[in-house]
Amino acid sequence: MRISRLSALLALALALLPGFAVARGAQPIPASSASPSAEPVNPHATPEARALLKKIDQISGRETLTGQHNFPNHLSRWSDRIYDLTGKFPAIFGQDFGFAGGDDKDSVEGRP
């Protein structure tokens, strides 16, 4: 599977936005007993990257983030469909840039 840095960053950033779907599998652990331990591998990580890593570490083992891939010529069709069915958007939005040509579903020429 191909994934660009920009796509990965966008997908992770969306996970932090309020109102996105998070399935809860267990009772939340009180904040006082949660002790996030993840540190970025990049010592020069931005405050936003550190906050994202902290959020993911805090929910690890307690919550599940959902994601949906959308083809370039469908824009957000499948994420919107999930919202229509559940009332929540997926936490992670995936999409290729559409560098294929012709009638391919990933084609830049197939975009609306």
Protein backbone atom coordinates (compact mmCIF):
# COMPACT_ATOMS: atom_id res chain seq x y z
CA MET A 1 0.00 0.00 0.00
CA ARG A 2 1.36 3.43 -0.94
CA ILE A 3 0.97 6.27 1.49
CA SER A 4 2.57 9.67 1.33
CA ARG A 5 3.75 11.66 4.31
CA LEU A 6 1.08 14.28 3.61
CA SER A 7 -1.68 11.65 3.53
CA ALA A 8 -0.44 10.12 6.77
CA LEU A 9 -0.25 13.51 8.47
CA LEU A 10 -3.74 14.45 7.27
CA ALA A 11 -5.16 11.15 8.46
CA LEU A 12 -3.60 11.52 11.89
CA ALA A 13 -4.61 15.17 12.19
CA LEU A 14 -8.23 14.28 11.50
CA ALA A 15 -8.11 11.85 14.40
CA LEU A 16 -7.77 14.80 16.76
CA LEU A 17 -10.78 16.72 15.51
CA PRO A 18 -13.84 16.58 17.77
CA GLY A 19 -16.93 14.85 16.44
CA PHE A 20 -15.11 12.08 14.60
CA ALA A 21 -16.01 8.44 15.20
CA VAL A 22 -14.25 6.65 18.02
CA ALA A 23 -15.56 3.24 19.02
CA ARG A 24 -15.33 2.68 22.75
CA GLY A 25 -14.58 -0.89 23.72
CA ALA A 26 -14.04 -0.42 27.46
CA GLN A 27 -14.68 2.01 30.24
CA PRO A 28 -12.30 4.96 30.11
CA ILE A 29 -9.45 4.95 32.59
CA PRO A 30 -9.52 8.00 34.85
CA ALA A 31 -7.08 10.71 33.77
CA SER A 32 -5.19 10.43 37.06
CA SER A 33 -4.20 6.80 36.33
CA ALA A 34 -3.38 7.32 32.66
CA SER A 35 0.30 7.89 32.08
CA PRO A 36 1.17 8.39 28.42
CA SER A 37 4.73 7.34 27.76
CA ALA A 38 5.25 7.69 24.01
CA GLU A 39 7.99 10.05 22.95
CA PRO A 40 8.50 11.16 19.35
CA VAL A 41 11.50 9.64 17.59
CA ASN A 42 12.23 13.09 16.19
CA PRO A 43 13.59 15.28 19.00
CA HIS A 44 12.52 18.33 16.97
CA ALA A 45 8.88 17.24 16.63
CA THR A 46 6.41 20.11 16.53
CA PRO A 47 4.01 20.74 19.42
CA GLU A 48 1.18 19.53 17.16
CA ALA A 49 2.97 16.25 16.43
CA ARG A 50 3.67 15.77 20.14
CA ALA A 51 0.01 16.44 21.01
CA LEU A 52 -1.13 13.94 18.38
CA LEU A 53 1.24 11.26 19.64
CA LYS A 54 0.09 11.91 23.22
CA LYS A 55 -3.58 11.57 22.17
CA ILE A 56 -2.93 8.29 20.34
CA ASP A 57 -0.94 6.96 23.29
CA GLN A 58 -3.72 7.93 25.73
CA ILE A 59 -6.39 6.01 23.83
CA SER A 60 -4.20 3.00 23.01
CA GLY A 61 -5.88 -0.18 24.22
CA ARG A 62 -9.09 1.66 25.14
CA GLU A 63 -10.53 3.04 21.91
CA THR A 64 -10.52 2.19 18.22
CA LEU A 65 -10.13 4.80 15.52
CA THR A 66 -11.96 4.02 12.29
CA GLY A 67 -10.84 5.04 8.83
CA GLN A 68 -12.17 5.14 5.29
CA HIS A 69 -10.42 5.32 1.92
CA ASN A 70 -12.04 7.59 -0.67
CA PHE A 71 -11.08 7.48 -4.36
CA PRO A 72 -10.16 10.81 -6.00
CA ASN A 73 -13.13 10.72 -8.38
CA HIS A 74 -15.52 10.08 -5.45
CA LEU A 75 -14.19 12.89 -3.21
CA SER A 76 -15.57 12.13 0.29
CA ARG A 77 -18.44 9.91 -0.88
CA TRP A 78 -17.64 6.91 1.33
CA SER A 79 -16.80 8.93 4.44
CA ASP A 80 -20.06 10.83 3.95
CA ARG A 81 -21.91 7.52 3.64
CA ILE A 82 -20.51 6.37 6.97
CA TYR A 83 -21.71 9.64 8.49
CA ASP A 84 -25.17 9.10 6.99
CA LEU A 85 -25.33 5.64 8.58
CA THR A 86 -23.74 6.36 11.97
CA GLY A 87 -23.91 10.11 12.56
CA LYS A 88 -20.11 10.19 12.91
CA PHE A 89 -17.27 10.63 10.45
CA PRO A 90 -14.35 8.18 10.37
CA ALA A 91 -11.38 9.45 12.39
CA ILE A 92 -8.99 8.82 9.50
CA PHE A 93 -9.61 10.00 5.94
CA GLY A 94 -7.59 8.24 3.26
CA GLN A 95 -7.22 9.26 -0.38
CA ASP A 96 -4.65 8.93 -3.14
CA PHE A 97 -3.55 11.91 -5.14
CA GLY A 98 -4.75 10.28 -8.37
CA PHE A 99 -1.70 10.10 -10.57
CA ALA A 100 -3.10 7.33 -12.81
CA GLY A 101 -4.52 8.27 -16.19
CA GLY A 102 -7.52 7.40 -18.30
CA ASP A 103 -10.64 5.79 -16.88
CA ASP A 104 -8.97 4.36 -13.76
CA LYS A 105 -10.87 5.06 -10.52
CA ASP A 106 -7.72 6.77 -9.19
CA SER A 107 -7.23 8.88 -12.31
CA VAL A 108 -6.66 12.58 -11.98
CA GLU A 109 -8.70 12.81 -15.18
CA GLY A 110 -11.69 11.18 -13.47
CA ARG A 111 -12.14 13.87 -10.84
CA PRO A 112 -15.36 15.86 -10.88
